[in-house]
């Protein structure tokens, strides 16, 4: 019996070693794919953006599946695509490059107003002149990117267009000079040492918590912030009716997109003096240490 158990033990160890060896052999290798081909419905190198027809179709883009291949055969995983827009010469690396994500889709269409907003508010193109814009598609499988050994992103060739955007409506509705003349902007919250969430703001602190009005859509303030504190922006001292902040609490301590009547903004982790720049035209704010 003991001899039998010894044999069984030996066979078990050998089996485990074989299984381990087999497992080591079952690696999956990336074998490449075909760069997606990008085309558009536009028949010229200029995309017209007439403001009078802003609700009409502007352009459609189409791209092909890269057919990613692995050692186990064609990939069965979903491909993610980024349709990317940038100015000529920026190499798709400018600060304002726009990347629009699509999951499995192979086409998208823009109205005149939607494309214009992407160019004027997103790329922040000067609306007084023509611009050369490039468009391409990036295709990848999310599990096999971001530093993975199977990292693989395939890019299409670029399409080149000449565009002249018009001034679009602001991305976020700004304070309005209406019946209450509430076109100012104030900051309140636990990130503010003097008055916290007091609303109305005590008279002694109103001036220091009032933004400077650069334009009717652009405001700035330089103010000390308590690290990790919270805050919101309001347009009428003493009222919570109109307020602006981030969509999800604790997002974007250094700035990003903001919304009307959202969740509390969070200050950067380190206490200090910061310049807060709020642009309703683009729907973006920045928080910069001074």
Protein backbone atom coordinates (compact mmCIF):
# COMPACT_ATOMS: atom_id res chain seq x y z
CA UNK A 1 0.00 0.00 0.00
CA UNK A 2 2.83 2.35 0.93
CA UNK A 3 4.61 1.52 -2.35
CA UNK A 4 1.41 2.28 -4.24
CA UNK A 5 1.02 5.66 -2.55
CA UNK A 6 4.62 6.52 -3.39
CA UNK A 7 3.95 5.78 -7.07
CA UNK A 8 0.75 7.80 -6.97
CA UNK A 9 2.62 10.71 -5.40
CA UNK A 10 5.30 10.57 -8.09
CA UNK A 11 2.70 10.52 -10.87
CA UNK A 12 0.91 13.47 -9.25
CA UNK A 13 4.09 15.55 -9.16
CA UNK A 14 4.89 14.66 -12.77
CA UNK A 15 1.33 15.62 -13.75
CA UNK A 16 1.66 19.00 -12.06
CA UNK A 17 4.96 19.65 -13.78
CA UNK A 18 3.48 18.76 -17.16
CA UNK A 19 0.47 20.96 -16.50
CA UNK A 20 2.78 23.80 -15.51
CA UNK A 21 4.82 23.31 -18.66
CA UNK A 22 1.68 23.33 -20.79
CA UNK A 23 0.51 26.50 -19.10
CA UNK A 24 3.80 28.22 -19.89
CA UNK A 25 3.39 27.27 -23.53
CA UNK A 26 -0.11 28.78 -23.77
CA UNK A 27 1.00 32.38 -24.20
CA UNK A 28 -1.06 34.64 -26.45
CA UNK A 29 0.93 36.77 -28.89
CA UNK A 30 -0.21 39.86 -30.77
CA UNK A 31 0.25 39.29 -34.50
CA UNK A 32 -0.79 42.72 -35.75
CA UNK A 33 -3.68 44.04 -37.74
CA UNK A 34 -4.53 46.33 -40.63
CA UNK A 35 -4.51 50.08 -40.10
CA UNK A 36 -8.08 51.38 -40.33
CA UNK A 37 -9.03 53.29 -43.46
CA UNK A 38 -10.78 56.61 -42.79
CA UNK A 39 -13.04 58.27 -45.35
CA UNK A 40 -15.61 61.04 -45.21
CA UNK A 41 -18.77 62.13 -47.01
CA UNK A 42 -17.15 65.47 -47.85
CA UNK A 43 -16.20 65.74 -51.51
CA UNK A 44 -13.89 68.77 -51.19
CA UNK A 45 -11.07 69.84 -48.88
CA UNK A 46 -13.30 72.49 -47.27
CA UNK A 47 -16.08 71.83 -44.75
CA UNK A 48 -18.59 74.65 -44.86
CA UNK A 49 -20.08 75.74 -41.53
CA UNK A 50 -22.89 78.21 -42.32
CA UNK A 51 -24.42 79.44 -39.07
CA UNK A 52 -27.81 79.90 -40.75
CA UNK A 53 -27.98 76.13 -41.40
CA UNK A 54 -26.56 75.00 -38.07
CA UNK A 55 -29.05 72.15 -37.61
CA UNK A 56 -28.31 70.61 -41.03
CA UNK A 57 -25.90 67.68 -41.56
CA UNK A 58 -22.27 68.69 -42.03
CA UNK A 59 -20.07 65.62 -42.55
CA UNK A 60 -19.99 61.89 -41.88
CA UNK A 61 -16.87 59.83 -41.20
CA UNK A 62 -16.42 56.12 -41.94
CA UNK A 63 -13.61 53.76 -40.95
CA UNK A 64 -12.75 50.09 -41.33
CA UNK A 65 -12.18 47.42 -38.68
CA UNK A 66 -8.44 46.75 -38.16
CA UNK A 67 -9.08 43.00 -37.73
CA UNK A 68 -6.63 42.53 -34.88
CA UNK A 69 -4.98 39.09 -34.95
CA UNK A 70 -3.54 37.04 -32.08
CA UNK A 71 -1.75 33.72 -32.02
CA UNK A 72 -5.08 32.15 -31.10
CA UNK A 73 -6.72 33.65 -34.20
CA UNK A 74 -8.78 36.79 -34.91
CA UNK A 75 -9.60 38.85 -31.83
CA UNK A 76 -13.09 38.42 -30.43
CA UNK A 77 -12.70 41.46 -28.17
CA UNK A 78 -14.45 44.74 -28.89
CA UNK A 79 -12.34 47.39 -30.61
CA UNK A 80 -12.41 50.97 -29.32
CA UNK A 81 -11.94 53.85 -31.75
CA UNK A 82 -10.92 57.46 -31.19
CA UNK A 83 -11.82 59.92 -33.93
CA UNK A 84 -9.17 62.60 -33.41
CA UNK A 85 -9.16 66.24 -34.55
CA UNK A 86 -6.18 68.58 -34.43
CA UNK A 87 -4.65 71.49 -36.30
CA UNK A 88 -2.22 70.91 -39.16
CA UNK A 89 1.36 70.70 -37.92
CA UNK A 90 0.46 69.79 -34.33
CA UNK A 91 1.03 66.09 -34.97
CA UNK A 92 -2.08 65.23 -32.95
CA UNK A 93 -0.31 66.43 -29.85
CA UNK A 94 -1.70 69.90 -29.21
CA UNK A 95 -3.14 70.94 -25.87
CA UNK A 96 -6.66 71.11 -27.29
CA UNK A 97 -6.67 68.03 -29.55
CA UNK A 98 -10.11 66.43 -29.54
CA UNK A 99 -10.55 62.64 -29.23
CA UNK A 100 -14.10 61.34 -29.57
CA UNK A 101 -14.47 57.73 -28.39
CA UNK A 102 -16.61 55.09 -30.09
CA UNK A 103 -17.18 51.52 -28.97
CA UNK A 104 -17.34 49.16 -31.97
CA UNK A 105 -19.05 51.75 -34.21
CA UNK A 106 -17.55 52.28 -37.67
CA UNK A 107 -19.21 55.58 -38.56
CA UNK A 108 -20.39 58.87 -37.10
CA UNK A 109 -22.11 61.99 -38.39
CA UNK A 110 -22.00 65.62 -37.31
CA UNK A 111 -24.46 68.42 -37.75
CA UNK A 112 -23.02 71.83 -38.54
CA UNK A 113 -23.57 73.03 -34.97
CA UNK A 114 -22.02 69.89 -33.42
CA UNK A 115 -18.89 70.02 -35.58
CA UNK A 116 -18.60 73.77 -35.07
CA UNK A 117 -18.75 73.33 -31.28
CA UNK A 118 -16.01 70.68 -31.45
CA UNK A 119 -13.80 73.04 -33.47
CA UNK A 120 -14.52 76.36 -31.74
CA UNK A 121 -15.06 75.24 -28.13
CA UNK A 122 -13.03 72.03 -28.22
CA UNK A 123 -10.05 72.86 -30.43
CA UNK A 124 -10.53 76.52 -29.48
CA UNK A 125 -9.99 77.75 -33.04
CA UNK A 126 -10.13 81.47 -33.74
CA UNK A 127 -13.52 82.11 -35.35
CA UNK A 128 -12.23 85.08 -37.37
CA UNK A 129 -10.11 83.05 -39.78
CA UNK A 130 -9.74 79.80 -41.72
CA UNK A 131 -7.83 76.85 -40.29
CA UNK A 132 -6.27 73.65 -41.62
CA UNK A 133 -7.57 70.73 -39.55
CA UNK A 134 -6.54 67.08 -39.65
CA UNK A 135 -8.69 64.07 -38.73
CA UNK A 136 -7.62 60.48 -38.08
CA UNK A 137 -8.85 57.32 -36.35
CA UNK A 138 -6.97 55.44 -33.63
CA UNK A 139 -8.04 51.80 -33.11
CA UNK A 140 -7.13 49.63 -30.15
CA UNK A 141 -8.35 46.90 -27.79
CA UNK A 142 -8.41 48.38 -24.25
CA UNK A 143 -7.07 45.31 -22.36
CA UNK A 144 -3.98 45.29 -24.58
CA UNK A 145 -2.92 48.93 -24.24
CA UNK A 146 -1.63 51.22 -21.48
CA UNK A 147 1.79 49.66 -21.14
CA UNK A 148 0.84 46.02 -21.69
CA UNK A 149 3.31 43.80 -23.50
CA UNK A 150 0.56 43.33 -26.06
CA UNK A 151 0.26 47.10 -26.51
CA UNK A 152 -1.09 47.88 -29.99
CA UNK A 153 -2.69 51.01 -31.43
CA UNK A 154 -3.26 51.35 -35.15
CA UNK A 155 -3.78 54.76 -36.79
CA UNK A 156 -5.43 55.61 -40.07
CA UNK A 157 -4.02 58.04 -42.58
CA UNK A 158 -5.13 61.63 -41.97
CA UNK A 159 -7.82 63.58 -43.77
CA UNK A 160 -7.18 67.30 -44.22
CA UNK A 161 -9.86 69.99 -44.23
CA UNK A 162 -10.10 73.76 -44.29
CA UNK A 163 -12.66 75.15 -41.83
CA UNK A 164 -13.81 78.52 -40.52
CA UNK A 165 -15.93 78.04 -37.38
CA UNK A 166 -18.37 80.60 -36.07
CA UNK A 167 -18.83 81.65 -32.45
CA UNK A 168 -21.04 78.91 -30.96
CA UNK A 169 -23.33 79.20 -27.95
CA UNK A 170 -21.43 78.80 -24.68
CA UNK A 171 -20.89 75.22 -23.59
CA UNK A 172 -22.33 76.12 -20.15
CA UNK A 173 -24.92 78.85 -19.66
CA UNK A 174 -23.16 81.75 -17.91
CA UNK A 175 -24.53 84.13 -15.28
CA UNK A 176 -27.17 86.24 -16.99
CA UNK A 177 -27.68 89.98 -16.77
CA UNK A 178 -31.41 89.57 -16.21
CA UNK A 179 -34.00 91.16 -13.94
CA UNK A 180 -31.85 90.52 -10.87
CA UNK A 181 -28.65 91.73 -12.65
CA UNK A 182 -26.97 88.55 -11.41
CA UNK A 183 -24.08 88.51 -13.88
CA UNK A 184 -21.41 88.34 -11.17
CA UNK A 185 -19.68 85.21 -9.93
CA UNK A 186 -18.73 84.33 -6.35
CA UNK A 187 -17.00 81.41 -4.62
CA UNK A 188 -18.22 79.82 -1.37
CA UNK A 189 -17.38 76.63 0.48
CA UNK A 190 -15.29 74.91 3.11
CA UNK A 191 -12.19 75.60 0.98
CA UNK A 192 -12.63 79.31 1.80
CA UNK A 193 -11.08 80.08 5.18
CA UNK A 194 -12.90 83.30 6.00
CA UNK A 195 -16.58 82.56 5.45
CA UNK A 196 -16.92 78.88 4.49
CA UNK A 197 -20.38 78.06 3.20
CA UNK A 198 -21.93 81.33 4.43
CA UNK A 199 -24.46 82.51 1.83
CA UNK A 200 -24.92 85.43 1.80
CA UNK A 201 -21.21 86.07 2.08
CA UNK A 202 -20.47 88.38 5.03
CA UNK A 203 -19.88 91.97 3.78
CA UNK A 204 -16.25 91.95 4.93
CA UNK A 205 -15.41 89.07 2.54
CA UNK A 206 -17.56 89.83 -0.53
CA UNK A 207 -14.80 91.58 -2.45
CA UNK A 208 -12.23 88.82 -1.86
CA UNK A 209 -14.72 86.12 -2.98
CA UNK A 210 -15.92 87.92 -6.13
CA UNK A 211 -14.51 86.87 -9.52
CA UNK A 212 -13.12 89.46 -11.92
CA UNK A 213 -15.31 89.57 -15.02
CA UNK A 214 -13.01 89.25 -18.07
CA UNK A 215 -15.96 88.94 -20.48
CA UNK A 216 -19.58 87.93 -20.03
CA UNK A 217 -18.44 84.29 -20.37
CA UNK A 218 -14.99 84.40 -18.74
CA UNK A 219 -14.20 84.98 -15.05
CA UNK A 220 -11.06 84.77 -12.87
CA UNK A 221 -10.22 84.96 -9.19
CA UNK A 222 -7.00 84.60 -7.19
CA UNK A 223 -7.78 83.30 -3.72
CA UNK A 224 -6.31 81.20 -0.88
CA UNK A 225 -7.80 77.69 -0.78
CA UNK A 226 -7.73 75.13 2.04
CA UNK A 227 -6.29 71.89 0.68
CA UNK A 228 -8.96 69.25 0.07
CA UNK A 229 -11.80 71.65 0.93
CA UNK A 230 -14.94 71.95 -1.17
CA UNK A 231 -16.51 74.87 -3.00
CA UNK A 232 -19.12 76.01 -5.49
CA UNK A 233 -19.61 79.07 -7.66
CA UNK A 234 -22.78 81.17 -7.35
CA UNK A 235 -24.04 84.13 -9.37
CA UNK A 236 -26.15 85.92 -6.74
CA UNK A 237 -24.88 86.52 -3.24
CA UNK A 238 -27.46 85.07 -0.85
CA UNK A 239 -29.05 82.62 -3.32
CA UNK A 240 -28.38 78.97 -4.17
CA UNK A 241 -30.58 79.04 -7.29
CA UNK A 242 -27.81 79.42 -9.86
CA UNK A 243 -24.60 77.57 -9.07
CA UNK A 244 -21.80 75.86 -10.96
CA UNK A 245 -19.45 73.04 -10.04
CA UNK A 246 -18.29 69.62 -11.27
CA UNK A 247 -20.59 66.81 -12.39
CA UNK A 248 -19.09 64.24 -10.00
CA UNK A 249 -17.82 65.10 -6.53
CA UNK A 250 -14.04 65.03 -6.01
CA UNK A 251 -13.30 65.26 -9.76
CA UNK A 252 -10.82 67.70 -11.29
CA UNK A 253 -9.08 69.40 -8.32
CA UNK A 254 -6.84 71.14 -10.89
CA UNK A 255 -9.63 71.96 -13.31
CA UNK A 256 -11.64 70.38 -16.10
CA UNK A 257 -15.24 70.45 -17.34
CA UNK A 258 -17.90 71.97 -15.11
CA UNK A 259 -21.71 72.00 -15.15
CA UNK A 260 -24.71 73.94 -13.92
CA UNK A 261 -25.99 72.80 -10.49
CA UNK A 262 -23.57 69.91 -10.07
CA UNK A 263 -21.67 68.48 -7.10
CA UNK A 264 -19.10 70.24 -4.94
CA UNK A 265 -15.72 71.03 -6.45
CA UNK A 266 -12.70 69.89 -4.44
CA UNK A 267 -9.64 72.07 -3.92
CA UNK A 268 -6.12 70.77 -4.65
CA UNK A 269 -4.57 68.73 -1.85
CA UNK A 270 -2.10 71.44 -0.82
CA UNK A 271 -3.35 74.63 0.80
CA UNK A 272 -2.18 77.79 -0.94
CA UNK A 273 -3.12 80.66 -3.21
CA UNK A 274 -4.64 79.65 -6.55
CA UNK A 275 -5.84 81.32 -9.74
CA UNK A 276 -9.24 79.91 -10.72
CA UNK A 277 -10.13 80.58 -14.36
CA UNK A 278 -13.71 79.79 -15.38
CA UNK A 279 -14.65 79.83 -19.07
CA UNK A 280 -18.35 79.32 -19.79
CA UNK A 281 -17.72 79.45 -23.54
CA UNK A 282 -15.63 76.27 -23.46
CA UNK A 283 -17.22 74.78 -20.32
CA UNK A 284 -13.77 74.38 -18.72
CA UNK A 285 -12.09 75.75 -15.61
CA UNK A 286 -8.50 75.66 -14.39
CA UNK A 287 -7.00 75.87 -10.88
CA UNK A 288 -3.36 77.00 -10.94
CA UNK A 289 -1.06 77.48 -7.96
CA UNK A 290 0.36 81.00 -7.66
